[in-house]
Protein backbone atom coordinates (compact mmCIF):
# COMPACT_ATOMS: atom_id res chain seq x y z
CA UNK A 1 7.59 -2.03 8.34
CA UNK A 2 8.40 1.59 8.03
CA UNK A 3 10.41 4.01 5.83
CA UNK A 4 9.84 6.93 8.23
CA UNK A 5 12.80 7.52 10.61
CA UNK A 6 10.73 8.92 13.40
CA UNK A 7 8.28 6.12 13.32
CA UNK A 8 11.08 3.66 13.30
CA UNK A 9 12.71 5.16 16.40
CA UNK A 10 9.44 5.16 18.19
CA UNK A 11 8.74 1.51 17.23
CA UNK A 12 12.23 0.54 18.75
CA UNK A 13 11.31 2.45 21.84
CA UNK A 14 8.08 0.56 22.20
CA UNK A 15 9.97 -2.78 21.69
CA UNK A 16 10.41 -3.46 18.07
CA UNK A 17 13.38 -5.68 17.45
CA UNK A 18 13.59 -5.47 13.61
CA UNK A 19 12.51 -2.71 11.12
CA UNK A 20 11.92 -3.52 7.46
CA UNK A 21 12.00 -0.46 5.26
CA UNK A 22 11.92 -2.28 1.92
CA UNK A 23 8.69 -2.65 -0.02
CA UNK A 24 7.33 -5.19 -2.62
CA UNK A 25 9.34 -8.25 -3.36
CA UNK A 26 12.32 -7.00 -1.44
CA UNK A 27 10.19 -6.23 1.74
CA UNK A 28 8.55 -9.65 1.54
CA UNK A 29 12.01 -11.18 1.10
CA UNK A 30 13.26 -9.44 4.33
CA UNK A 31 10.21 -10.68 6.34
CA UNK A 32 10.83 -14.23 5.12
CA UNK A 33 14.43 -14.05 6.08
CA UNK A 34 13.60 -12.67 9.59
CA UNK A 35 11.02 -15.45 10.03
CA UNK A 36 13.44 -18.28 8.66
CA UNK A 37 11.36 -18.64 5.60
CA UNK A 38 7.97 -19.05 7.25
CA UNK A 39 6.44 -15.69 7.19
CA UNK A 40 4.72 -13.52 9.87
CA UNK A 41 1.89 -15.06 12.00
CA UNK A 42 -0.16 -11.94 11.39
CA UNK A 43 0.30 -8.76 9.52
CA UNK A 44 -1.50 -5.58 10.44
CA UNK A 45 -2.17 -3.51 7.26
CA UNK A 46 -2.88 0.11 7.85
CA UNK A 47 -2.19 1.78 4.37
CA UNK A 48 -4.99 0.28 2.35
CA UNK A 49 -3.39 0.38 -1.10
CA UNK A 50 -3.33 -2.56 -3.52
CA UNK A 51 0.41 -2.86 -3.23
CA UNK A 52 0.39 -2.79 0.63
CA UNK A 53 -2.45 -5.34 0.82
CA UNK A 54 -0.69 -7.67 -1.65
CA UNK A 55 2.59 -7.24 0.24
CA UNK A 56 0.77 -8.13 3.57
CA UNK A 57 -0.81 -11.32 2.05
CA UNK A 58 2.66 -12.41 0.63
CA UNK A 59 4.47 -11.70 3.94
CA UNK A 60 2.07 -13.65 6.26
CA UNK A 61 2.69 -17.38 6.81
CA UNK A 62 0.45 -20.10 5.45
CA UNK A 63 -2.57 -20.22 7.87
CA UNK A 64 -1.80 -16.71 9.14
CA UNK A 65 -3.95 -13.62 8.93
CA UNK A 66 -3.93 -10.08 7.70
CA UNK A 67 -5.60 -7.58 9.99
CA UNK A 68 -6.88 -4.60 8.07
CA UNK A 69 -7.18 -1.33 10.11
CA UNK A 70 -8.20 0.98 7.33
CA UNK A 71 -10.66 0.88 4.44
CA UNK A 72 -8.80 -0.42 1.48
CA UNK A 73 -9.05 1.55 -1.75
CA UNK A 74 -8.70 0.27 -5.33
CA UNK A 75 -7.60 -3.15 -4.10
CA UNK A 76 -7.88 -6.54 -5.98
CA UNK A 77 -6.95 -9.14 -3.35
CA UNK A 78 -4.87 -12.08 -4.56
CA UNK A 79 -7.71 -14.45 -3.56
CA UNK A 80 -6.30 -17.51 -5.21
CA UNK A 81 -2.96 -17.21 -3.39
CA UNK A 82 -5.03 -16.55 -0.06
CA UNK A 83 -7.12 -19.58 -0.47
CA UNK A 84 -4.24 -21.95 -1.38
CA UNK A 85 -2.07 -20.60 1.48
CA UNK A 86 -5.13 -20.54 3.96
CA UNK A 87 -4.54 -16.82 4.64
CA UNK A 88 -7.35 -15.15 6.50
CA UNK A 89 -8.32 -11.54 6.45
CA UNK A 90 -10.24 -9.50 8.94
CA UNK A 91 -10.72 -5.96 9.90
CA UNK A 92 -12.87 -3.32 11.52
CA UNK A 93 -12.64 -0.22 13.56
CA UNK A 94 -10.65 -0.27 16.73
CA UNK A 95 -12.88 -1.41 19.59
CA UNK A 96 -11.96 1.47 21.74
CA UNK A 97 -14.87 1.20 24.32
CA UNK A 98 -13.69 -2.33 25.24
CA UNK A 99 -10.23 -1.20 26.28
CA UNK A 100 -10.98 2.38 27.46
CA UNK A 101 -11.34 1.72 31.18
CA UNK A 102 -8.11 -0.21 31.37
CA UNK A 103 -6.18 2.41 29.20
CA UNK A 104 -7.51 5.32 31.22
CA UNK A 105 -6.34 3.69 34.47
CA UNK A 106 -2.81 3.03 32.96
CA UNK A 107 -2.73 6.62 31.61
CA UNK A 108 -3.74 8.12 35.05
CA UNK A 109 -1.18 5.93 36.79
CA UNK A 110 1.42 7.01 34.24
CA UNK A 111 2.24 3.53 33.13
CA UNK A 112 1.72 4.52 29.48
CA UNK A 113 2.60 7.64 27.51
CA UNK A 114 0.36 7.89 24.51
CA UNK A 115 1.61 11.35 23.77
CA UNK A 116 4.88 10.00 22.27
CA UNK A 117 3.12 9.54 19.00
CA UNK A 118 2.36 13.27 18.72
CA UNK A 119 5.26 14.92 17.14
CA UNK A 120 3.39 18.00 15.67
CA UNK A 121 1.22 20.45 17.60
CA UNK A 122 -0.97 22.82 15.82
CA UNK A 123 -4.02 25.14 16.65
CA UNK A 124 -7.36 23.66 15.52
CA UNK A 125 -7.64 26.03 12.64
CA UNK A 126 -4.68 24.42 11.01
CA UNK A 127 -6.20 21.01 10.97
CA UNK A 128 -5.74 20.70 7.14
CA UNK A 129 -1.85 21.27 7.70
CA UNK A 130 -1.91 18.51 10.27
CA UNK A 131 -3.60 16.02 7.94
CA UNK A 132 -1.12 16.99 5.13
CA UNK A 133 1.89 16.56 7.54
CA UNK A 134 0.71 12.98 8.45
CA UNK A 135 -0.14 12.13 4.81
CA UNK A 136 3.32 13.34 3.62
CA UNK A 137 5.06 11.53 6.53
CA UNK A 138 6.34 14.78 8.01
CA UNK A 139 4.53 13.89 11.26
CA UNK A 140 3.40 10.74 12.98
CA UNK A 141 0.30 12.29 14.61
CA UNK A 142 -0.72 15.85 14.88
CA UNK A 143 -2.12 17.10 18.27
CA UNK A 144 -4.61 19.91 17.71
CA UNK A 145 -5.34 22.60 20.27
CA UNK A 146 -8.44 24.76 20.48
């Protein structure tokens, strides 16, 4: 799910077959249509707002799970809906050390290009501008140089 054109293009390049830009009821309806009324097996929630968390819970299939990649803020989870639909929720920081050796090998062998997510380069002293650009969806990720 994305409303950001640059992120959508990158998602397609990385293998996404469908992009849902709608939010709320309309976004959940599109997910249901794409999944023939079942819902997604898992939803990775990376915004952390009440609206995005509720949307994730509603878009996942019964028995599915919502993966939380950020610390939610001001969120009241729809626990009754989650319990009756057997929706699990889990989260935590990315376990980078576990995957780092494999990723480094792939990077050094040029089998992956992580730099594609960096669409803004700034000097380190402009770090605040980099965060603002990402927050305002003017950039996917900012690469900072010393």
